[in-house]
Amino acid sequence: MTLILSNSDVEKLLTMPDCIDVLEEAYVELVEGRGVNRTRSDCITPTTNPNAVYGLKSMDGVIPKLGIGAIRINSDIVTFPKKGNNIVREKVPAAPNGRYTGLVLLSRTASCSACGWAPPTGSG
């Protein structure tokens, strides 16, 4: 079953302390060599607007201890307007109703027999 959450849904469900605790655990797994991640991939192309570019970006990783794998995909149109003396990066809300586009897929991993890992009892 796919569950689609908006940014505001996530803000209601995830507290900053919870996020920091899980990130700390994930970083330990990465450092110890049990977790893996792939370097972010950016595909940048011109658009019909000479002041904008299109970017398709992805990154992914797996943390067996937490029983999860995830991939993040961004599909953005970006401009670089000058504001005062600075040039800033500004995303263009290109989806209907002035929304941005992107996707994060999170999935449970199966038992990892090669590394002797299995999901905690009661998870699935």
PDB file of N, CA and C in Angstrom:
ATOM      1  N   MET A   1       0.840  -1.181   0.000  1.00  0.00           N
ATOM      2  CA  MET A   1       0.000   0.000   0.000  1.00  0.00           C
ATOM      3  C   MET A   1       0.881   1.237   0.000  1.00  0.00           C
ATOM      4  N   THR A   2       0.562   2.191  -0.805  1.00  0.00           N
ATOM      5  CA  THR A   2       1.306   3.437  -0.870  1.00  0.00           C
ATOM      6  C   THR A   2       0.602   4.487  -0.037  1.00  0.00           C
ATOM      7  N   LEU A   3       1.366   5.166   0.790  1.00  0.00           N
ATOM      8  CA  LEU A   3       0.843   6.252   1.607  1.00  0.00           C
ATOM      9  C   LEU A   3       1.527   7.532   1.153  1.00  0.00           C
ATOM     10  N   ILE A   4       0.767   8.490   0.694  1.00  0.00           N
ATOM     11  CA  ILE A   4       1.330   9.747   0.221  1.00  0.00           C
ATOM     12  C   ILE A   4       1.125  10.800   1.295  1.00  0.00           C
ATOM     13  N   LEU A   5       2.238  11.384   1.749  1.00  0.00           N
ATOM     14  CA  LEU A   5       2.205  12.406   2.792  1.00  0.00           C
ATOM     15  C   LEU A   5       2.716  13.725   2.241  1.00  0.00           C
ATOM     16  N   SER A   6       2.056  14.794   2.598  1.00  0.00           N
ATOM     17  CA  SER A   6       2.532  16.128   2.234  1.00  0.00           C
ATOM     18  C   SER A   6       3.563  16.577   3.265  1.00  0.00           C
ATOM     19  N   ASN A   7       4.255  17.675   2.972  1.00  0.00           N
ATOM     20  CA  ASN A   7       5.198  18.223   3.947  1.00  0.00           C
ATOM     21  C   ASN A   7       4.504  18.544   5.258  1.00  0.00           C
ATOM     22  N   SER A   8       3.284  19.074   5.191  1.00  0.00           N
ATOM     23  CA  SER A   8       2.573  19.411   6.428  1.00  0.00           C
ATOM     24  C   SER A   8       2.175  18.146   7.194  1.00  0.00           C
ATOM     25  N   ASP A   9       1.856  17.046   6.490  1.00  0.00           N
ATOM     26  CA  ASP A   9       1.585  15.775   7.165  1.00  0.00           C
ATOM     27  C   ASP A   9       2.816  15.315   7.942  1.00  0.00           C
ATOM     28  N   VAL A  10       3.973  15.386   7.292  1.00  0.00           N
ATOM     29  CA  VAL A  10       5.219  14.947   7.925  1.00  0.00           C
ATOM     30  C   VAL A  10       5.529  15.814   9.136  1.00  0.00           C
ATOM     31  N   GLU A  11       5.343  17.127   9.025  1.00  0.00           N
ATOM     32  CA  GLU A  11       5.600  18.026  10.147  1.00  0.00           C
ATOM     33  C   GLU A  11       4.744  17.680  11.360  1.00  0.00           C
ATOM     34  N   LYS A  12       3.523  17.197  11.125  1.00  0.00           N
ATOM     35  CA  LYS A  12       2.629  16.814  12.225  1.00  0.00           C
ATOM     36  C   LYS A  12       3.032  15.480  12.856  1.00  0.00           C
ATOM     37  N   LEU A  13       3.647  14.597  12.074  1.00  0.00           N
ATOM     38  CA  LEU A  13       3.955  13.253  12.536  1.00  0.00           C
ATOM     39  C   LEU A  13       5.370  13.074  13.077  1.00  0.00           C
ATOM     40  N   LEU A  14       6.306  13.876  12.628  1.00  0.00           N
ATOM     41  CA  LEU A  14       7.713  13.683  12.961  1.00  0.00           C
ATOM     42  C   LEU A  14       8.240  14.873  13.755  1.00  0.00           C
ATOM     43  N   THR A  15       8.701  14.599  14.972  1.00  0.00           N
ATOM     44  CA  THR A  15       9.284  15.677  15.775  1.00  0.00           C
ATOM     45  C   THR A  15      10.773  15.781  15.464  1.00  0.00           C
ATOM     46  N   MET A  16      11.349  16.933  15.692  1.00  0.00           N
ATOM     47  CA  MET A  16      12.773  17.119  15.447  1.00  0.00           C
ATOM     48  C   MET A  16      13.618  16.186  16.320  1.00  0.00           C
ATOM     49  N   PRO A  17      13.317  16.024  17.627  1.00  0.00           N
ATOM     50  CA  PRO A  17      14.112  15.071  18.425  1.00  0.00           C
ATOM     51  C   PRO A  17      14.050  13.641  17.872  1.00  0.00           C
ATOM     52  N   ASP A  18      12.870  13.198  17.411  1.00  0.00           N
ATOM     53  CA  ASP A  18      12.760  11.863  16.811  1.00  0.00           C
ATOM     54  C   ASP A  18      13.621  11.760  15.557  1.00  0.00           C
ATOM     55  N   CYS A  19      13.581  12.794  14.748  1.00  0.00           N
ATOM     56  CA  CYS A  19      14.357  12.822  13.505  1.00  0.00           C
ATOM     57  C   CYS A  19      15.857  12.737  13.806  1.00  0.00           C
ATOM     58  N   ILE A  20      16.317  13.517  14.769  1.00  0.00           N
ATOM     59  CA  ILE A  20      17.742  13.518  15.133  1.00  0.00           C
ATOM     60  C   ILE A  20      18.156  12.155  15.669  1.00  0.00           C
ATOM     61  N   ASP A  21      17.331  11.537  16.513  1.00  0.00           N
ATOM     62  CA  ASP A  21      17.652  10.208  17.057  1.00  0.00           C
ATOM     63  C   ASP A  21      17.817   9.172  15.950  1.00  0.00           C
ATOM     64  N   VAL A  22      16.892   9.157  14.990  1.00  0.00           N
ATOM     65  CA  VAL A  22      16.956   8.176  13.907  1.00  0.00           C
ATOM     66  C   VAL A  22      18.127   8.473  12.975  1.00  0.00           C
ATOM     67  N   LEU A  23      18.382   9.747  12.699  1.00  0.00           N
ATOM     68  CA  LEU A  23      19.526  10.092  11.852  1.00  0.00           C
ATOM     69  C   LEU A  23      20.836   9.670  12.500  1.00  0.00           C
ATOM     70  N   GLU A  24      20.948   9.869  13.813  1.00  0.00           N
ATOM     71  CA  GLU A  24      22.164   9.457  14.519  1.00  0.00           C
ATOM     72  C   GLU A  24      22.374   7.948  14.376  1.00  0.00           C
ATOM     73  N   GLU A  25      21.307   7.199  14.562  1.00  0.00           N
ATOM     74  CA  GLU A  25      21.381   5.743  14.421  1.00  0.00           C
ATOM     75  C   GLU A  25      21.763   5.351  12.989  1.00  0.00           C
ATOM     76  N   ALA A  26      21.183   6.027  12.011  1.00  0.00           N
ATOM     77  CA  ALA A  26      21.484   5.731  10.606  1.00  0.00           C
ATOM     78  C   ALA A  26      22.939   6.049  10.278  1.00  0.00           C
ATOM     79  N   TYR A  27      23.458   7.176  10.781  1.00  0.00           N
ATOM     80  CA  TYR A  27      24.861   7.533  10.523  1.00  0.00           C
ATOM     81  C   TYR A  27      25.816   6.526  11.152  1.00  0.00           C
ATOM     82  N   VAL A  28      25.492   6.026  12.338  1.00  0.00           N
ATOM     83  CA  VAL A  28      26.323   4.994  12.969  1.00  0.00           C
ATOM     84  C   VAL A  28      26.351   3.761  12.077  1.00  0.00           C
ATOM     85  N   GLU A  29      25.207   3.360  11.560  1.00  0.00           N
ATOM     86  CA  GLU A  29      25.144   2.197  10.680  1.00  0.00           C
ATOM     87  C   GLU A  29      25.985   2.410   9.417  1.00  0.00           C
ATOM     88  N   LEU A  30      25.947   3.632   8.864  1.00  0.00           N
ATOM     89  CA  LEU A  30      26.764   3.935   7.678  1.00  0.00           C
ATOM     90  C   LEU A  30      28.251   3.852   8.003  1.00  0.00           C
ATOM     91  N   VAL A  31      28.663   4.463   9.118  1.00  0.00           N
ATOM     92  CA  VAL A  31      30.076   4.471   9.514  1.00  0.00           C
ATOM     93  C   VAL A  31      30.579   3.052   9.776  1.00  0.00           C
ATOM     94  N   GLU A  32      29.744   2.220  10.386  1.00  0.00           N
ATOM     95  CA  GLU A  32      30.127   0.851  10.719  1.00  0.00           C
ATOM     96  C   GLU A  32      30.074  -0.083   9.499  1.00  0.00           C
ATOM     97  N   GLY A  33      29.607   0.435   8.348  1.00  0.00           N
ATOM     98  CA  GLY A  33      29.590  -0.359   7.123  1.00  0.00           C
ATOM     99  C   GLY A  33      28.379  -1.250   6.957  1.00  0.00           C
ATOM    100  N   ARG A  34      27.398  -1.117   7.831  1.00  0.00           N
ATOM    101  CA  ARG A  34      26.193  -1.939   7.714  1.00  0.00           C
ATOM    102  C   ARG A  34      25.136  -1.277   6.829  1.00  0.00           C
ATOM    103  N   GLY A  35      25.118   0.028   6.797  1.00  0.00           N
ATOM    104  CA  GLY A  35      24.206   0.771   5.940  1.00  0.00           C
ATOM    105  C   GLY A  35      24.941   1.229   4.694  1.00  0.00           C
ATOM    106  N   VAL A  36      24.196   1.518   3.649  1.00  0.00           N
ATOM    107  CA  VAL A  36      24.807   2.015   2.407  1.00  0.00           C
ATOM    108  C   VAL A  36      23.964   3.159   1.845  1.00  0.00           C
ATOM    109  N   ASN A  37      24.633   4.048   1.134  1.00  0.00           N
ATOM    110  CA  ASN A  37      23.912   5.087   0.403  1.00  0.00           C
ATOM    111  C   ASN A  37      24.666   5.395  -0.882  1.00  0.00           C
ATOM    112  N   ARG A  38      23.934   5.937  -1.837  1.00  0.00           N
ATOM    113  CA  ARG A  38      24.508   6.303  -3.130  1.00  0.00           C
ATOM    114  C   ARG A  38      24.614   7.817  -3.190  1.00  0.00           C
ATOM    115  N   THR A  39      25.680   8.293  -3.766  1.00  0.00           N
ATOM    116  CA  THR A  39      25.860   9.726  -3.946  1.00  0.00           C
ATOM    117  C   THR A  39      24.711  10.299  -4.767  1.00  0.00           C
ATOM    118  N   ARG A  40      24.278  11.497  -4.415  1.00  0.00           N
ATOM    119  CA  ARG A  40      23.188  12.131  -5.151  1.00  0.00           C
ATOM    120  C   ARG A  40      23.570  12.303  -6.617  1.00  0.00           C
ATOM    121  N   SER A  41      22.622  12.038  -7.474  1.00  0.00           N
ATOM    122  CA  SER A  41      22.816  12.180  -8.913  1.00  0.00           C
ATOM    123  C   SER A  41      21.967  13.352  -9.392  1.00  0.00           C
ATOM    124  N   ASP A  42      22.600  14.305 -10.085  1.00  0.00           N
ATOM    125  CA  ASP A  42      21.896  15.481 -10.607  1.00  0.00           C
ATOM    126  C   ASP A  42      21.967  15.476 -12.129  1.00  0.00           C
ATOM    127  N   CYS A  43      20.818  15.512 -12.786  1.00  0.00           N
ATOM    128  CA  CYS A  43      20.738  15.682 -14.237  1.00  0.00           C
ATOM    129  C   CYS A  43      20.135  17.062 -14.473  1.00  0.00           C
ATOM    130  N   ILE A  44      20.933  17.981 -14.976  1.00  0.00           N
ATOM    131  CA  ILE A  44      20.511  19.373 -15.172  1.00  0.00           C
ATOM    132  C   ILE A  44      20.457  19.659 -16.672  1.00  0.00           C
ATOM    133  N   THR A  45      19.327  20.207 -17.137  1.00  0.00           N
ATOM    134  CA  THR A  45      19.180  20.533 -18.554  1.00  0.00           C
ATOM    135  C   THR A  45      18.578  21.930 -18.710  1.00  0.00           C
ATOM    136  N   PRO A  46      18.763  22.541 -19.878  1.00  0.00           N
ATOM    137  CA  PRO A  46      18.122  23.833 -20.134  1.00  0.00           C
ATOM    138  C   PRO A  46      16.611  23.667 -20.277  1.00  0.00           C
ATOM    139  N   THR A  47      15.894  24.759 -20.160  1.00  0.00           N
ATOM    140  CA  THR A  47      14.445  24.779 -20.382  1.00  0.00           C
ATOM    141  C   THR A  47      14.140  25.790 -21.478  1.00  0.00           C
ATOM    142  N   THR A  48      12.878  25.943 -21.814  1.00  0.00           N
ATOM    143  CA  THR A  48      12.504  26.947 -22.809  1.00  0.00           C
ATOM    144  C   THR A  48      12.676  28.355 -22.253  1.00  0.00           C
ATOM    145  N   ASN A  49      12.748  28.479 -20.937  1.00  0.00           N
ATOM    146  CA  ASN A  49      13.025  29.765 -20.293  1.00  0.00           C
ATOM    147  C   ASN A  49      14.541  29.910 -20.157  1.00  0.00           C
ATOM    148  N   PRO A  50      15.150  30.898 -20.818  1.00  0.00           N
ATOM    149  CA  PRO A  50      16.613  31.024 -20.766  1.00  0.00           C
ATOM    150  C   PRO A  50      17.151  31.336 -19.367  1.00  0.00           C
ATOM    151  N   ASN A  51      16.276  31.704 -18.433  1.00  0.00           N
ATOM    152  CA  ASN A  51      16.709  32.027 -17.069  1.00  0.00           C
ATOM    153  C   ASN A  51      16.423  30.890 -16.087  1.00  0.00           C
ATOM    154  N   ALA A  52      16.108  29.699 -16.609  1.00  0.00           N
ATOM    155  CA  ALA A  52      15.767  28.573 -15.738  1.00  0.00           C
ATOM    156  C   ALA A  52      16.408  27.296 -16.249  1.00  0.00           C
ATOM    157  N   VAL A  53      16.621  26.352 -15.329  1.00  0.00           N
ATOM    158  CA  VAL A  53      17.101  25.021 -15.682  1.00  0.00           C
ATOM    159  C   VAL A  53      16.159  23.991 -15.073  1.00  0.00           C
ATOM    160  N   TYR A  54      16.167  22.796 -15.674  1.00  0.00           N
ATOM    161  CA  TYR A  54      15.405  21.671 -15.123  1.00  0.00           C
ATOM    162  C   TYR A  54      16.393  20.737 -14.444  1.00  0.00           C
ATOM    163  N   GLY A  55      16.063  20.272 -13.252  1.00  0.00           N
ATOM    164  CA  GLY A  55      16.911  19.333 -12.535  1.00  0.00           C
ATOM    165  C   GLY A  55      16.138  18.102 -12.103  1.00  0.00           C
ATOM    166  N   LEU A  56      16.652  16.945 -12.480  1.00  0.00           N
ATOM    167  CA  LEU A  56      16.123  15.673 -11.999  1.00  0.00           C
ATOM    168  C   LEU A  56      17.199  15.101 -11.092  1.00  0.00           C
ATOM    169  N   LYS A  57      16.873  14.959  -9.813  1.00  0.00           N
ATOM    170  CA  LYS A  57      17.867  14.536  -8.828  1.00  0.00           C
ATOM    171  C   LYS A  57      17.362  13.314  -8.092  1.00  0.00           C
ATOM    172  N   SER A  58      18.286  12.403  -7.775  1.00  0.00           N
ATOM    173  CA  SER A  58      17.906  11.226  -6.999  1.00  0.00           C
ATOM    174  C   SER A  58      19.025  10.836  -6.043  1.00  0.00           C
ATOM    175  N   MET A  59      18.632  10.199  -4.953  1.00  0.00           N
ATOM    176  CA  MET A  59      19.575   9.637  -3.993  1.00  0.00           C
ATOM    177  C   MET A  59      18.860   8.517  -3.243  1.00  0.00           C
ATOM    178  N   ASP A  60      19.627   7.526  -2.775  1.00  0.00           N
ATOM    179  CA  ASP A  60      18.992   6.412  -2.086  1.00  0.00           C
ATOM    180  C   ASP A  60      19.932   5.799  -1.068  1.00  0.00           C
ATOM    181  N   GLY A  61      19.367   4.958  -0.211  1.00  0.00           N
ATOM    182  CA  GLY A  61      20.155   4.281   0.799  1.00  0.00           C
ATOM    183  C   GLY A  61      19.349   3.201   1.491  1.00  0.00           C
ATOM    184  N   VAL A  62      20.065   2.332   2.220  1.00  0.00           N
ATOM    185  CA  VAL A  62      19.444   1.248   2.968  1.00  0.00           C
ATOM    186  C   VAL A  62      20.092   1.181   4.346  1.00  0.00           C
ATOM    187  N   ILE A  63      19.272   1.091   5.382  1.00  0.00           N
ATOM    188  CA  ILE A  63      19.746   0.899   6.753  1.00  0.00           C
ATOM    189  C   ILE A  63      19.107  -0.399   7.259  1.00  0.00           C
ATOM    190  N   PRO A  64      19.808  -1.555   7.108  1.00  0.00           N
ATOM    191  CA  PRO A  64      19.220  -2.838   7.501  1.00  0.00           C
ATOM    192  C   PRO A  64      18.753  -2.878   8.962  1.00  0.00           C
ATOM    193  N   LYS A  65      19.495  -2.284   9.890  1.00  0.00           N
ATOM    194  CA  LYS A  65      19.109  -2.320  11.306  1.00  0.00           C
ATOM    195  C   LYS A  65      17.708  -1.745  11.514  1.00  0.00           C
ATOM    196  N   LEU A  66      17.365  -0.715  10.750  1.00  0.00           N
ATOM    197  CA  LEU A  66      16.041  -0.105  10.862  1.00  0.00           C
ATOM    198  C   LEU A  66      15.016  -0.782   9.950  1.00  0.00           C
ATOM    199  N   GLY A  67      15.504  -1.690   9.099  1.00  0.00           N
ATOM    200  CA  GLY A  67      14.604  -2.418   8.211  1.00  0.00           C
ATOM    201  C   GLY A  67      14.020  -1.563   7.106  1.00  0.00           C
ATOM    202  N   ILE A  68      14.776  -0.563   6.649  1.00  0.00           N
ATOM    203  CA  ILE A  68      14.243   0.325   5.620  1.00  0.00           C
ATOM    204  C   ILE A  68      15.243   0.590   4.502  1.00  0.00           C
ATOM    205  N   GLY A  69      14.693   0.884   3.348  1.00  0.00           N
ATOM    206  CA  GLY A  69      15.429   1.415   2.212  1.00  0.00           C
ATOM    207  C   GLY A  69      14.610   2.579   1.691  1.00  0.00           C
ATOM    208  N   ALA A  70      15.273   3.590   1.159  1.00  0.00           N
ATOM    209  CA  ALA A  70      14.530   4.764   0.685  1.00  0.00           C
ATOM    210  C   ALA A  70      15.196   5.339  -0.552  1.00  0.00           C
ATOM    211  N   ILE A  71      14.386   5.959  -1.385  1.00  0.00           N
ATOM    212  CA  ILE A  71      14.882   6.719  -2.525  1.00  0.00           C
ATOM    213  C   ILE A  71      14.158   8.057  -2.546  1.00  0.00           C
ATOM    214  N   ARG A  72      14.906   9.101  -2.845  1.00  0.00           N
ATOM    215  CA  ARG A  72      14.330  10.445  -2.958  1.00  0.00           C
ATOM    216  C   ARG A  72      14.546  10.904  -4.394  1.00  0.00           C
ATOM    217  N   ILE A  73      13.475  11.408  -4.997  1.00  0.00           N
ATOM    218  CA  ILE A  73      13.544  11.914  -6.368  1.00  0.00           C
ATOM    219  C   ILE A  73      12.974  13.333  -6.381  1.00  0.00           C
ATOM    220  N   ASN A  74      13.747  14.266  -6.900  1.00  0.00           N
ATOM    221  CA  ASN A  74      13.278  15.646  -7.075  1.00  0.00           C
ATOM    222  C   ASN A  74      13.197  15.943  -8.560  1.00  0.00           C
ATOM    223  N   SER A  75      12.168  16.636  -8.941  1.00  0.00           N
ATOM    224  CA  SER A  75      11.992  17.089 -10.310  1.00  0.00           C
ATOM    225  C   SER A  75      11.672  18.578 -10.212  1.00  0.00           C
ATOM    226  N   ASP A  76      12.697  19.421 -10.441  1.00  0.00           N
ATOM    227  CA  ASP A  76      12.565  20.853 -10.173  1.00  0.00           C
ATOM    228  C   ASP A  76      12.897  21.717 -11.379  1.00  0.00           C
ATOM    229  N   ILE A  77      12.224  22.843 -11.457  1.00  0.00           N
ATOM    230  CA  ILE A  77      12.638  23.919 -12.352  1.00  0.00           C
ATOM    231  C   ILE A  77      13.174  25.021 -11.437  1.00  0.00           C
ATOM    232  N   VAL A  78      14.393  25.471 -11.724  1.00  0.00           N
ATOM    233  CA  VAL A  78      15.069  26.417 -10.847  1.00  0.00           C
ATOM    234  C   VAL A  78      15.496  27.647 -11.633  1.00  0.00           C
ATOM    235  N   THR A  79      15.294  28.807 -11.030  1.00  0.00           N
ATOM    236  CA  THR A  79      15.772  30.070 -11.600  1.00  0.00           C
ATOM    237  C   THR A  79      16.810  30.661 -10.654  1.00  0.00           C
ATOM    238  N   PHE A  80      17.532  31.652 -11.129  1.00  0.00           N
ATOM    239  CA  PHE A  80      18.575  32.294 -10.334  1.00  0.00           C
ATOM    240  C   PHE A  80      18.439  33.817 -10.428  1.00  0.00           C
ATOM    241  N   PRO A  81      17.356  34.362  -9.835  1.00  0.00           N
ATOM    242  CA  PRO A  81      17.144  35.812  -9.914  1.00  0.00           C
ATOM    243  C   PRO A  81      18.120  36.582  -9.021  1.00  0.00           C
ATOM    244  N   LYS A  82      18.339  37.817  -9.388  1.00  0.00           N
ATOM    245  CA  LYS A  82      19.179  38.704  -8.574  1.00  0.00           C
ATOM    246  C   LYS A  82      18.274  39.428  -7.590  1.00  0.00           C
ATOM    247  N   LYS A  83      18.612  39.352  -6.309  1.00  0.00           N
ATOM    248  CA  LYS A  83      17.869  40.047  -5.258  1.00  0.00           C
ATOM    249  C   LYS A  83      18.859  40.923  -4.510  1.00  0.00           C
ATOM    250  N   GLY A  84      18.731  42.219  -4.759  1.00  0.00           N
ATOM    251  CA  GLY A  84      19.718  43.139  -4.196  1.00  0.00           C
ATOM    252  C   GLY A  84      21.049  42.895  -4.871  1.00  0.00           C
ATOM    253  N   ASN A  85      22.087  42.658  -4.074  1.00  0.00           N
ATOM    254  CA  ASN A  85      23.418  42.375  -4.624  1.00  0.00           C
ATOM    255  C   ASN A  85      23.704  40.882  -4.732  1.00  0.00           C
ATOM    256  N   ASN A  86      22.706  40.057  -4.452  1.00  0.00           N
ATOM    257  CA  ASN A  86      22.922  38.608  -4.439  1.00  0.00           C
ATOM    258  C   ASN A  86      22.119  37.911  -5.530  1.00  0.00           C
ATOM    259  N   ILE A  87      22.691  36.829  -6.036  1.00  0.00           N
ATOM    260  CA  ILE A  87      21.959  35.940  -6.930  1.00  0.00           C
ATOM    261  C   ILE A  87      21.488  34.774  -6.072  1.00  0.00           C
ATOM    262  N   VAL A  88      20.193  34.497  -6.118  1.00  0.00           N
ATOM    263  CA  VAL A  88      19.626  33.441  -5.271  1.00  0.00           C
ATOM    264  C   VAL A  88      19.078  32.304  -6.119  1.00  0.00           C
ATOM    265  N   ARG A  89      19.005  31.136  -5.533  1.00  0.00           N
ATOM    266  CA  ARG A  89      18.425  29.961  -6.185  1.00  0.00           C
ATOM    267  C   ARG A  89      16.968  29.900  -5.765  1.00  0.00           C
ATOM    268  N   GLU A  90      16.072  29.817  -6.744  1.00  0.00           N
ATOM    269  CA  GLU A  90      14.640  29.836  -6.454  1.00  0.00           C
ATOM    270  C   GLU A  90      13.937  28.743  -7.244  1.00  0.00           C
ATOM    271  N   LYS A  91      13.261  27.824  -6.530  1.00  0.00           N
ATOM    272  CA  LYS A  91      12.490  26.781  -7.204  1.00  0.00           C
ATOM    273  C   LYS A  91      11.200  27.369  -7.736  1.00  0.00           C
ATOM    274  N   VAL A  92      10.784  26.899  -8.902  1.00  0.00           N
ATOM    275  CA  VAL A  92       9.537  27.326  -9.513  1.00  0.00           C
ATOM    276  C   VAL A  92       8.484  26.252  -9.202  1.00  0.00           C
ATOM    277  N   PRO A  93       7.374  26.629  -8.573  1.00  0.00           N
ATOM    278  CA  PRO A  93       6.322  25.628  -8.315  1.00  0.00           C
ATOM    279  C   PRO A  93       5.613  25.283  -9.619  1.00  0.00           C
ATOM    280  N   ALA A  94       6.072  24.206 -10.280  1.00  0.00           N
ATOM    281  CA  ALA A  94       5.598  23.881 -11.622  1.00  0.00           C
ATOM    282  C   ALA A  94       4.405  22.925 -11.650  1.00  0.00           C
ATOM    283  N   ALA A  95       4.069  22.319 -10.535  1.00  0.00           N
ATOM    284  CA  ALA A  95       2.938  21.387 -10.499  1.00  0.00           C
ATOM    285  C   ALA A  95       1.628  22.165 -10.365  1.00  0.00           C
ATOM    286  N   PRO A  96       0.498  21.528 -10.652  1.00  0.00           N
ATOM    287  CA  PRO A  96      -0.797  22.212 -10.513  1.00  0.00           C
ATOM    288  C   PRO A  96      -0.982  22.811  -9.116  1.00  0.00           C
ATOM    289  N   ASN A  97      -1.703  23.895  -9.052  1.00  0.00           N
ATOM    290  CA  ASN A  97      -2.004  24.600  -7.798  1.00  0.00           C
ATOM    291  C   ASN A  97      -0.763  25.167  -7.124  1.00  0.00           C
ATOM    292  N   GLY A  98       0.260  25.518  -7.915  1.00  0.00           N
ATOM    293  CA  GLY A  98       1.459  26.139  -7.365  1.00  0.00           C
ATOM    294  C   GLY A  98       2.254  25.239  -6.442  1.00  0.00           C
ATOM    295  N   ARG A  99       2.246  23.926  -6.698  1.00  0.00           N
ATOM    296  CA  ARG A  99       2.969  22.981  -5.852  1.00  0.00           C
ATOM    297  C   ARG A  99       4.298  22.603  -6.481  1.00  0.00           C
ATOM    298  N   TYR A 100       5.178  22.078  -5.637  1.00  0.00           N
ATOM    299  CA  TYR A 100       6.476  21.581  -6.087  1.00  0.00           C
ATOM    300  C   TYR A 100       6.356  20.080  -6.325  1.00  0.00           C
ATOM    301  N   THR A 101       7.312  19.520  -7.055  1.00  0.00           N
ATOM    302  CA  THR A 101       7.274  18.093  -7.329  1.00  0.00           C
ATOM    303  C   THR A 101       8.458  17.400  -6.674  1.00  0.00           C
ATOM    304  N   GLY A 102       8.252  16.183  -6.284  1.00  0.00           N
ATOM    305  CA  GLY A 102       9.296  15.367  -5.674  1.00  0.00           C
ATOM    306  C   GLY A 102       8.656  14.129  -5.096  1.00  0.00           C
ATOM    307  N   LEU A 103       9.464  13.154  -4.745  1.00  0.00           N
ATOM    308  CA  LEU A 103       8.938  11.898  -4.254  1.00  0.00           C
ATOM    309  C   LEU A 103       9.965  11.263  -3.337  1.00  0.00           C
ATOM    310  N   VAL A 104       9.513  10.740  -2.220  1.00  0.00           N
ATOM    311  CA  VAL A 104      10.358   9.929  -1.346  1.00  0.00           C
ATOM    312  C   VAL A 104       9.649   8.598  -1.169  1.00  0.00           C
ATOM    313  N   LEU A 105      10.312   7.529  -1.552  1.00  0.00           N
ATOM    314  CA  LEU A 105       9.763   6.185  -1.381  1.00  0.00           C
ATOM    315  C   LEU A 105      10.523   5.507  -0.263  1.00  0.00           C
ATOM    316  N   LEU A 106       9.800   4.972   0.683  1.00  0.00           N
ATOM    317  CA  LEU A 106      10.398   4.287   1.818  1.00  0.00           C
ATOM    318  C   LEU A 106       9.836   2.880   1.835  1.00  0.00           C
ATOM    319  N   SER A 107      10.707   1.877   1.899  1.00  0.00           N
ATOM    320  CA  SER A 107      10.201   0.507   1.901  1.00  0.00           C
ATOM    321  C   SER A 107      10.893  -0.313   2.972  1.00  0.00           C
ATOM    322  N   ARG A 108      10.186  -1.306   3.461  1.00  0.00           N
ATOM    323  CA  ARG A 108      10.773  -2.245   4.413  1.00  0.00           C
ATOM    324  C   ARG A 108      11.666  -3.192   3.637  1.00  0.00           C
ATOM    325  N   THR A 109      12.809  -3.533   4.216  1.00  0.00           N
ATOM    326  CA  THR A 109      13.695  -4.493   3.571  1.00  0.00           C
ATOM    327  C   THR A 109      13.336  -5.892   4.022  1.00  0.00           C
ATOM    328  N   ALA A 110      13.698  -6.865   3.218  1.00  0.00           N
ATOM    329  CA  ALA A 110      13.515  -8.267   3.610  1.00  0.00           C
ATOM    330  C   ALA A 110      14.679  -8.652   4.519  1.00  0.00           C
ATOM    331  N   SER A 111      14.603  -9.823   5.116  1.00  0.00           N
ATOM    332  CA  SER A 111      15.728 -10.299   5.925  1.00  0.00           C
ATOM    333  C   SER A 111      16.973 -10.356   5.055  1.00  0.00           C
ATOM    334  N   CYS A 112      18.090 -10.036   5.636  1.00  0.00           N
ATOM    335  CA  CYS A 112      19.357 -10.030   4.904  1.00  0.00           C
ATOM    336  C   CYS A 112      20.165 -11.238   5.363  1.00  0.00           C
ATOM    337  N   SER A 113      19.987 -12.396   4.696  1.00  0.00           N
ATOM    338  CA  SER A 113      20.647 -13.618   5.135  1.00  0.00           C
ATOM    339  C   SER A 113      22.160 -13.523   4.984  1.00  0.00           C
ATOM    340  N   ALA A 114      22.629 -12.751   4.012  1.00  0.00           N
ATOM    341  CA  ALA A 114      24.070 -12.638   3.793  1.00  0.00           C
ATOM    342  C   ALA A 114      24.766 -11.965   4.969  1.00  0.00           C
ATOM    343  N   CYS A 115      24.079 -11.057   5.656  1.00  0.00           N
ATOM    344  CA  CYS A 115      24.716 -10.358   6.774  1.00  0.00           C
ATOM    345  C   CYS A 115      24.149 -10.811   8.114  1.00  0.00           C
ATOM    346  N   GLY A 116      23.225 -11.783   8.106  1.00  0.00           N
ATOM    347  CA  GLY A 116      22.668 -12.301   9.343  1.00  0.00           C
ATOM    348  C   GLY A 116      21.640 -11.385   9.986  1.00  0.00           C
ATOM    349  N   TRP A 117      21.153 -10.420   9.242  1.00  0.00           N
ATOM    350  CA  TRP A 117      20.184  -9.467   9.797  1.00  0.00           C
ATOM    351  C   TRP A 117      18.775  -9.903   9.458  1.00  0.00           C
ATOM    352  N   ALA A 118      17.857  -9.712  10.396  1.00  0.00           N
ATOM    353  CA  ALA A 118      16.431  -9.964  10.150  1.00  0.00           C
ATOM    354  C   ALA A 118      15.650  -8.852  10.825  1.00  0.00           C
ATOM    355  N   PRO A 119      14.467  -8.510  10.297  1.00  0.00           N
ATOM    356  CA  PRO A 119      13.677  -7.448  10.920  1.00  0.00           C
ATOM    357  C   PRO A 119      13.342  -7.802  12.365  1.00  0.00           C
ATOM    358  N   PRO A 120      13.205  -6.787  13.243  1.00  0.00           N
ATOM    359  CA  PRO A 120      12.812  -7.071  14.621  1.00  0.00           C
ATOM    360  C   PRO A 120      11.467  -7.784  14.655  1.00  0.00           C
ATOM    361  N   THR A 121      11.257  -8.621  15.667  1.00  0.00           N
ATOM    362  CA  THR A 121      10.007  -9.354  15.816  1.00  0.00           C
ATOM    363  C   THR A 121       8.821  -8.391  15.820  1.00  0.00           C
ATOM    364  N   GLY A 122       7.791  -8.763  15.063  1.00  0.00           N
ATOM    365  CA  GLY A 122       6.591  -7.934  15.013  1.00  0.00           C
ATOM    366  C   GLY A 122       6.594  -6.921  13.893  1.00  0.00           C
ATOM    367  N   SER A 123       7.715  -6.734  13.207  1.00  0.00           N
ATOM    368  CA  SER A 123       7.727  -5.805  12.072  1.00  0.00           C
ATOM    369  C   SER A 123       7.581  -6.611  10.798  1.00  0.00           C
ATOM    370  N   GLY A 124       7.223  -5.922   9.733  1.00  0.00           N
ATOM    371  CA  GLY A 124       7.075  -6.686   8.497  1.00  0.00           C
ATOM    372  C   GLY A 124       6.849  -5.874   7.377  1.00  0.00           C
TER     373      GLY A 124
END
